[in-house]
Amino acid sequence: MAAPAVEGVAVTALRSVLFRVRQAAERAGTQPKRVRVVAVSKTKPVSLIRQIYDAGHRCFGENYVQEFVQKAPQLPEDIEWHFIGHLQSNKVKTLLGGVPNLAFFEGVDNEKIANHLDHAVSSLGRNPLKIFVQVNTSGEPSKSGIDPSGCVRLAEHVKSHCPHLEFSGLMTIGMPDYTSTPENFRTLSKCRVEVCKALGMTEDQCELSMGMSSDFEQAIEMGSTNVRIGSTIFGPRDYSKKQPN
């Protein structure tokens, strides 16, 4: 009898993360299946992503357009891809054309990018793209994201003027070291209350994407339905070949 295959480090890490997500969801009094885990694979090779895929995970995220459009065609079509972060409007068609199975765009921070996304989705004839409006909850001038005071207006614009986009919730990236404080999470939750009231939505219809490797358990306990986990699953990243969006 052949010896059983040794589980890869990343797969072991994924299983640990999923266990911690379940525990955090139970502490929050919510069902673990209501929390989506996005395995953020930026700077990581296709072979490593494939290991996580083969372990049964289907939700992955990328941050850099050029890297994304090179990787995605090499991987199975049933992956639910998320683009995370700021994107220049002139890269929209490259992204949407290169990743036809892009499911979520986490990072609409102004009306211009929303309009470009809407037009590109329409011209490509693809299904509506789910989007999260990005809110700058830490108030840093260098951080992408709309000021909390403008999130209702931007969500209304997407809902009313972008028929090929599906407003699905709000997201925040947090502090410079990619951690967030409870106040960041509370700010996003308050934004959701205001957006839902303005758009006539229930809070269950408006997701919160907050929490990363260092703070995802606290984020889930404070209402996050979408956590973005990179280095805790994949290990330290190599940014030497980073390309701007």
Protein backbone atom coordinates (compact mmCIF):
# COMPACT_ATOMS: atom_id res chain seq x y z
CA MET A 1 0.00 0.00 0.00
CA ALA A 2 1.32 3.42 -0.97
CA ALA A 3 2.03 5.88 1.79
CA PRO A 4 -0.55 8.72 2.03
CA ALA A 5 0.48 11.98 0.43
CA VAL A 6 1.81 14.60 2.81
CA GLU A 7 -0.54 17.58 2.91
CA GLY A 8 1.07 20.79 1.71
CA VAL A 9 1.84 23.59 4.15
CA ALA A 10 -0.64 25.92 2.47
CA VAL A 11 -3.43 23.34 2.59
CA THR A 12 -2.78 22.73 6.28
CA ALA A 13 -2.87 26.49 6.84
CA LEU A 14 -6.16 26.76 4.91
CA ARG A 15 -7.75 24.10 7.08
CA SER A 16 -6.60 25.96 10.19
CA VAL A 17 -8.07 29.22 8.88
CA LEU A 18 -11.41 27.59 8.07
CA PHE A 19 -11.54 26.12 11.58
CA ARG A 20 -10.84 29.53 13.10
CA VAL A 21 -13.51 31.10 10.88
CA ARG A 22 -16.05 28.55 12.08
CA GLN A 23 -15.18 29.27 15.71
CA ALA A 24 -15.43 33.05 15.21
CA ALA A 25 -18.78 32.69 13.42
CA GLU A 26 -20.13 30.58 16.27
CA ARG A 27 -18.99 33.18 18.79
CA ALA A 28 -20.79 35.81 16.73
CA GLY A 29 -23.95 33.72 16.66
CA THR A 30 -23.92 33.34 12.88
CA GLN A 31 -23.68 30.34 10.60
CA PRO A 32 -20.11 29.64 9.41
CA LYS A 33 -21.37 29.10 5.85
CA ARG A 34 -22.40 32.77 5.79
CA VAL A 35 -18.75 33.85 6.01
CA ARG A 36 -16.87 33.71 2.71
CA VAL A 37 -13.12 33.10 2.88
CA VAL A 38 -11.24 34.69 -0.02
CA ALA A 39 -7.79 33.10 -0.36
CA VAL A 40 -5.72 36.05 -1.59
CA SER A 41 -3.05 34.61 -3.85
CA LYS A 42 -1.19 37.69 -5.08
CA THR A 43 2.50 37.05 -5.92
CA LYS A 44 1.94 33.30 -5.51
CA PRO A 45 2.44 30.76 -8.33
CA VAL A 46 -0.36 28.95 -10.10
CA SER A 47 0.92 25.64 -8.72
CA LEU A 48 0.31 26.78 -5.14
CA ILE A 49 -3.17 28.10 -5.96
CA ARG A 50 -3.90 24.75 -7.56
CA GLN A 51 -3.01 22.97 -4.31
CA ILE A 52 -5.62 25.01 -2.46
CA TYR A 53 -8.12 24.42 -5.25
CA ASP A 54 -7.51 20.67 -5.16
CA ALA A 55 -8.20 20.76 -1.42
CA GLY A 56 -11.71 21.92 -2.27
CA HIS A 57 -11.47 25.71 -1.98
CA ARG A 58 -13.04 27.75 -4.79
CA CYS A 59 -12.81 31.40 -3.78
CA PHE A 60 -9.61 33.31 -4.58
CA GLY A 61 -8.54 36.95 -4.76
CA GLU A 62 -5.90 38.89 -6.66
CA ASN A 63 -4.71 42.50 -6.47
CA TYR A 64 -2.57 43.15 -9.55
CA VAL A 65 -4.16 43.18 -13.00
CA GLN A 66 -1.23 41.95 -15.08
CA GLU A 67 -0.51 39.08 -12.71
CA PHE A 68 -4.22 38.27 -12.50
CA VAL A 69 -4.84 38.01 -16.25
CA GLN A 70 -1.78 35.76 -16.61
CA LYS A 71 -2.83 33.37 -13.85
CA ALA A 72 -6.59 33.06 -14.28
CA PRO A 73 -6.58 31.29 -17.71
CA GLN A 74 -4.28 28.61 -16.27
CA LEU A 75 -6.77 27.66 -13.56
CA PRO A 76 -10.22 26.01 -13.54
CA GLU A 77 -13.20 28.04 -14.69
CA ASP A 78 -15.29 27.28 -11.61
CA ILE A 79 -13.11 29.48 -9.41
CA GLU A 80 -14.95 32.46 -7.92
CA TRP A 81 -12.42 35.23 -8.49
CA HIS A 82 -12.34 38.51 -6.55
CA PHE A 83 -10.37 41.57 -7.61
CA ILE A 84 -9.35 43.48 -4.49
CA GLY A 85 -8.23 47.08 -4.30
CA HIS A 86 -7.89 50.19 -6.41
CA LEU A 87 -7.93 49.97 -10.20
CA GLN A 88 -7.18 52.59 -12.84
CA SER A 89 -10.08 53.00 -15.25
CA ASN A 90 -7.88 52.27 -18.28
CA LYS A 91 -7.23 48.75 -16.91
CA VAL A 92 -10.90 47.79 -16.59
CA LYS A 93 -11.27 46.12 -20.00
CA THR A 94 -7.98 44.26 -19.55
CA LEU A 95 -9.21 42.86 -16.25
CA LEU A 96 -12.74 41.92 -17.29
CA GLY A 97 -11.65 40.57 -20.66
CA GLY A 98 -8.82 38.55 -19.15
CA VAL A 99 -10.82 37.09 -16.26
CA PRO A 100 -14.27 36.15 -17.59
CA ASN A 101 -15.10 34.34 -14.33
CA LEU A 102 -14.46 37.42 -12.18
CA ALA A 103 -17.32 37.30 -9.66
CA PHE A 104 -16.62 40.23 -7.34
CA PHE A 105 -14.89 43.58 -7.66
CA GLU A 106 -13.87 44.74 -4.17
CA GLY A 107 -12.84 48.30 -4.53
CA VAL A 108 -15.31 50.69 -6.23
CA ASP A 109 -14.29 53.97 -4.64
CA ASN A 110 -15.69 56.56 -7.05
CA GLU A 111 -18.37 57.02 -9.71
CA LYS A 112 -15.86 57.05 -12.57
CA ILE A 113 -14.62 53.51 -11.93
CA ALA A 114 -18.21 52.33 -11.42
CA ASN A 115 -19.19 53.78 -14.80
CA HIS A 116 -16.20 52.19 -16.55
CA LEU A 117 -16.97 48.81 -15.01
CA ASP A 118 -20.62 49.06 -15.99
CA HIS A 119 -19.76 49.94 -19.59
CA ALA A 120 -17.17 47.15 -19.87
CA VAL A 121 -19.53 44.52 -18.48
CA SER A 122 -22.16 45.63 -20.99
CA SER A 123 -19.79 45.65 -23.97
CA LEU A 124 -18.45 42.19 -23.12
CA GLY A 125 -21.96 40.80 -22.77
CA ARG A 126 -21.12 39.11 -19.49
CA ASN A 127 -23.29 38.58 -16.42
CA PRO A 128 -23.66 41.48 -13.97
CA LEU A 129 -20.57 41.99 -11.82
CA LYS A 130 -21.00 42.04 -8.06
CA ILE A 131 -19.25 44.97 -6.45
CA PHE A 132 -18.35 46.17 -2.99
CA VAL A 133 -18.02 49.92 -2.41
CA GLN A 134 -14.68 50.58 -0.73
CA VAL A 135 -14.84 52.87 2.31
CA ASN A 136 -11.79 54.55 3.83
CA THR A 137 -12.58 53.84 7.48
CA SER A 138 -9.16 54.88 8.79
CA GLY A 139 -9.26 58.39 7.33
CA GLU A 140 -5.79 58.17 5.78
CA PRO A 141 -5.26 60.44 2.74
CA SER A 142 -3.02 57.82 1.14
CA LYS A 143 -5.66 55.09 1.40
CA SER A 144 -8.10 54.31 -1.41
CA GLY A 145 -11.78 54.31 -0.59
CA ILE A 146 -14.54 56.86 -0.33
CA ASP A 147 -15.03 58.85 2.86
CA PRO A 148 -17.77 57.30 5.01
CA SER A 149 -19.89 60.40 4.44
CA GLY A 150 -19.98 59.64 0.71
CA CYS A 151 -20.73 55.92 0.76
CA VAL A 152 -24.52 56.34 0.49
CA ARG A 153 -24.21 58.56 -2.55
CA LEU A 154 -21.82 56.16 -4.29
CA ALA A 155 -23.97 53.12 -3.48
CA GLU A 156 -27.02 54.97 -4.83
CA HIS A 157 -25.13 55.78 -8.02
CA VAL A 158 -24.23 52.13 -8.58
CA LYS A 159 -27.78 51.03 -7.85
CA SER A 160 -29.45 53.68 -10.03
CA HIS A 161 -27.00 54.30 -12.89
CA CYS A 162 -25.02 51.07 -13.34
CA PRO A 163 -27.49 48.38 -14.48
CA HIS A 164 -24.71 45.92 -15.27
CA LEU A 165 -23.29 46.06 -11.74
CA GLU A 166 -24.82 44.45 -8.68
CA PHE A 167 -24.26 46.41 -5.49
CA SER A 168 -23.44 43.69 -2.96
CA GLY A 169 -21.92 45.44 0.04
CA LEU A 170 -19.15 47.52 1.56
CA MET A 171 -15.46 46.80 2.13
CA THR A 172 -12.54 48.37 3.94
CA ILE A 173 -8.82 47.64 3.96
CA GLY A 174 -7.97 49.15 7.32
CA MET A 175 -4.72 50.54 8.65
CA PRO A 176 -1.31 50.83 6.91
CA ASP A 177 -0.15 47.51 8.35
CA TYR A 178 -3.35 45.85 7.06
CA THR A 179 -4.85 45.49 10.50
CA SER A 180 -8.04 47.17 11.56
CA THR A 181 -9.27 48.42 14.89
CA PRO A 182 -12.76 47.83 16.24
CA GLU A 183 -13.48 51.45 15.34
CA ASN A 184 -12.77 50.73 11.65
CA PHE A 185 -15.19 47.82 11.78
CA ARG A 186 -17.82 49.87 13.62
CA THR A 187 -17.52 52.62 11.01
CA LEU A 188 -18.21 50.18 8.19
CA SER A 189 -21.16 48.72 10.08
CA LYS A 190 -22.61 52.21 10.54
CA CYS A 191 -22.19 52.84 6.82
CA ARG A 192 -24.16 49.68 6.11
CA VAL A 193 -27.05 50.87 8.27
CA GLU A 194 -27.15 54.16 6.35
CA VAL A 195 -26.82 52.54 2.93
CA CYS A 196 -29.52 49.96 3.63
CA LYS A 197 -31.89 52.66 4.83
CA ALA A 198 -31.26 54.79 1.73
CA LEU A 199 -31.51 51.90 -0.75
CA GLY A 200 -34.38 50.07 0.92
CA MET A 201 -32.27 46.96 1.54
CA THR A 202 -32.08 44.65 4.52
CA GLU A 203 -28.72 44.33 6.22
CA ASP A 204 -28.59 40.70 5.11
CA GLN A 205 -28.56 41.97 1.50
CA CYS A 206 -25.51 44.18 2.11
CA GLU A 207 -22.30 42.28 2.86
CA LEU A 208 -19.39 43.57 4.90
CA SER A 209 -15.95 42.70 3.54
CA MET A 210 -13.54 43.40 6.37
CA GLY A 211 -10.81 41.45 8.06
CA MET A 212 -7.54 40.03 6.80
CA SER A 213 -4.88 37.65 8.10
CA SER A 214 -4.19 39.50 11.34
CA ASP A 215 -7.72 40.50 12.32
CA PHE A 216 -10.26 38.29 10.55
CA GLU A 217 -11.60 36.65 13.70
CA GLN A 218 -12.42 39.98 15.30
CA ALA A 219 -13.94 41.16 11.99
CA ILE A 220 -16.26 38.13 11.86
CA GLU A 221 -17.30 38.70 15.46
CA MET A 222 -18.23 42.27 14.43
CA GLY A 223 -20.29 41.23 11.43
CA SER A 224 -17.96 40.55 8.51
CA THR A 225 -19.34 38.17 5.88
CA ASN A 226 -16.27 38.24 3.62
CA VAL A 227 -12.70 37.90 4.91
CA ARG A 228 -9.61 38.20 2.73
CA ILE A 229 -6.82 35.88 3.90
CA GLY A 230 -3.45 35.92 2.15
CA SER A 231 -0.19 35.36 4.01
CA THR A 232 -1.75 33.20 6.74
CA ILE A 233 -2.63 30.67 4.04
CA PHE A 234 0.09 31.18 1.44
CA GLY A 235 3.02 32.41 3.53
CA PRO A 236 5.07 35.63 3.11
CA ARG A 237 4.77 37.39 -0.22
CA ASP A 238 7.42 38.41 -2.74
CA TYR A 239 6.69 41.96 -3.91
CA SER A 240 9.80 42.27 -6.10
CA LYS A 241 7.73 41.92 -9.28
CA LYS A 242 4.80 44.02 -8.15
CA GLN A 243 3.16 45.99 -10.97
CA PRO A 244 0.88 49.00 -10.44
CA ASN A 245 -2.84 48.85 -11.22
